[in-house]
């Protein structure tokens, strides 16, 4: 439970940071149960993540932030996988980013 909270806090914090310079910021969190899985989607309408950066965001110690350690998303992916789930991201420049988590439900 604590680890999953850590993942959600990290993703929400990242989304809020992406919205800091947006005139009309929007953060959406959707939770759904689909058969034997629960799905969590965290979406923002920030600038989006450039393709060349997007392919590196889950790499340990990779960060585009001056104060970033580069372990947040890497650790988040590790935690989700440890719980039998998957994490993915879709981002469009100028439109925003959505992180999706899928976890099995007992």
Protein backbone atom coordinates (compact mmCIF):
# COMPACT_ATOMS: atom_id res chain seq x y z
CA UNK A 1 0.00 0.00 0.00
CA UNK A 2 2.79 2.42 0.93
CA UNK A 3 4.67 1.71 -2.29
CA UNK A 4 1.60 2.25 -4.44
CA UNK A 5 0.92 5.53 -2.65
CA UNK A 6 4.50 6.55 -3.44
CA UNK A 7 3.92 5.85 -7.15
CA UNK A 8 0.69 7.87 -7.22
CA UNK A 9 2.24 10.78 -5.34
CA UNK A 10 5.19 10.81 -7.76
CA UNK A 11 2.97 10.80 -10.86
CA UNK A 12 0.65 13.49 -9.50
CA UNK A 13 3.60 15.63 -8.43
CA UNK A 14 5.11 15.34 -11.91
CA UNK A 15 1.77 16.28 -13.50
CA UNK A 16 1.42 19.33 -11.25
CA UNK A 17 4.95 20.44 -12.17
CA UNK A 18 4.06 20.08 -15.86
CA UNK A 19 1.11 22.43 -15.29
CA UNK A 20 3.01 25.24 -13.55
CA UNK A 21 3.24 27.44 -16.67
CA UNK A 22 -0.09 26.49 -18.23
CA UNK A 23 -2.75 29.22 -18.39
CA UNK A 24 -5.67 26.83 -17.80
CA UNK A 25 -4.16 23.80 -16.03
CA UNK A 26 -6.11 20.56 -15.92
CA UNK A 27 -5.29 17.40 -13.99
CA UNK A 28 -7.52 14.35 -14.36
CA UNK A 29 -7.34 11.16 -12.35
CA UNK A 30 -9.48 8.23 -13.46
CA UNK A 31 -9.80 4.90 -11.68
CA UNK A 32 -11.62 1.97 -13.27
CA UNK A 33 -12.01 -1.70 -12.61
CA UNK A 34 -11.93 -3.83 -15.73
CA UNK A 35 -12.53 -7.53 -14.99
CA UNK A 36 -9.60 -8.61 -12.79
CA UNK A 37 -7.57 -5.41 -13.17
CA UNK A 38 -7.76 -1.90 -11.81
CA UNK A 39 -6.69 0.92 -14.07
CA UNK A 40 -5.44 4.33 -12.90
CA UNK A 41 -4.86 7.14 -15.38
CA UNK A 42 -3.26 10.45 -14.48
CA UNK A 43 -3.54 13.04 -17.24
CA UNK A 44 -2.45 16.64 -17.57
CA UNK A 45 -2.76 19.25 -20.29
CA UNK A 46 0.84 20.41 -19.97
CA UNK A 47 3.39 20.92 -22.73
CA UNK A 48 3.84 17.19 -23.26
CA UNK A 49 7.10 15.25 -23.33
CA UNK A 50 9.25 15.37 -26.48
CA UNK A 51 9.67 11.97 -28.20
CA UNK A 52 13.44 11.87 -27.64
CA UNK A 53 12.91 12.34 -23.90
CA UNK A 54 9.85 10.09 -23.68
CA UNK A 55 11.87 7.00 -24.57
CA UNK A 56 14.25 7.68 -21.64
CA UNK A 57 11.93 8.66 -18.80
CA UNK A 58 11.94 5.25 -17.11
CA UNK A 59 15.75 4.95 -17.27
CA UNK A 60 17.30 5.14 -13.79
CA UNK A 61 19.00 8.48 -13.01
CA UNK A 62 17.73 10.17 -16.19
CA UNK A 63 16.15 13.54 -15.44
CA UNK A 64 15.40 16.73 -17.30
CA UNK A 65 14.90 18.62 -14.03
CA UNK A 66 17.76 20.66 -12.59
CA UNK A 67 16.98 19.34 -9.11
CA UNK A 68 15.80 15.91 -10.24
CA UNK A 69 17.47 12.64 -9.23
CA UNK A 70 15.98 10.59 -12.06
CA UNK A 71 14.78 7.82 -9.78
CA UNK A 72 11.08 8.69 -9.44
CA UNK A 73 9.71 7.15 -12.64
CA UNK A 74 12.25 4.34 -12.66
CA UNK A 75 11.29 3.38 -9.12
CA UNK A 76 7.59 3.77 -9.94
CA UNK A 77 7.90 1.31 -12.82
CA UNK A 78 9.81 -1.13 -10.60
CA UNK A 79 7.12 -0.95 -7.90
CA UNK A 80 4.27 -1.46 -10.37
CA UNK A 81 6.03 -4.42 -11.98
CA UNK A 82 6.73 -5.92 -8.54
CA UNK A 83 2.97 -5.88 -7.95
CA UNK A 84 2.30 -7.67 -11.24
CA UNK A 85 1.21 -4.55 -13.08
CA UNK A 86 2.23 -2.33 -15.93
CA UNK A 87 2.84 1.38 -16.30
CA UNK A 88 2.82 3.23 -19.59
CA UNK A 89 2.83 6.79 -20.87
CA UNK A 90 1.36 8.61 -23.84
CA UNK A 91 2.36 12.18 -24.50
CA UNK A 92 1.62 14.66 -27.26
CA UNK A 93 3.57 17.90 -27.62
CA UNK A 94 1.37 20.87 -26.77
CA UNK A 95 -1.50 18.61 -25.66
CA UNK A 96 -0.41 16.85 -22.48
CA UNK A 97 0.60 13.55 -20.96
CA UNK A 98 -1.20 10.52 -19.57
CA UNK A 99 0.37 7.90 -17.35
CA UNK A 100 -1.58 4.66 -17.12
CA UNK A 101 -1.21 2.00 -14.45
CA UNK A 102 -2.81 -1.42 -14.64
CA UNK A 103 -2.74 -3.71 -11.60
CA UNK A 104 -4.26 -7.13 -11.00
CA UNK A 105 -7.06 -7.39 -8.46
CA UNK A 106 -7.36 -10.49 -6.28
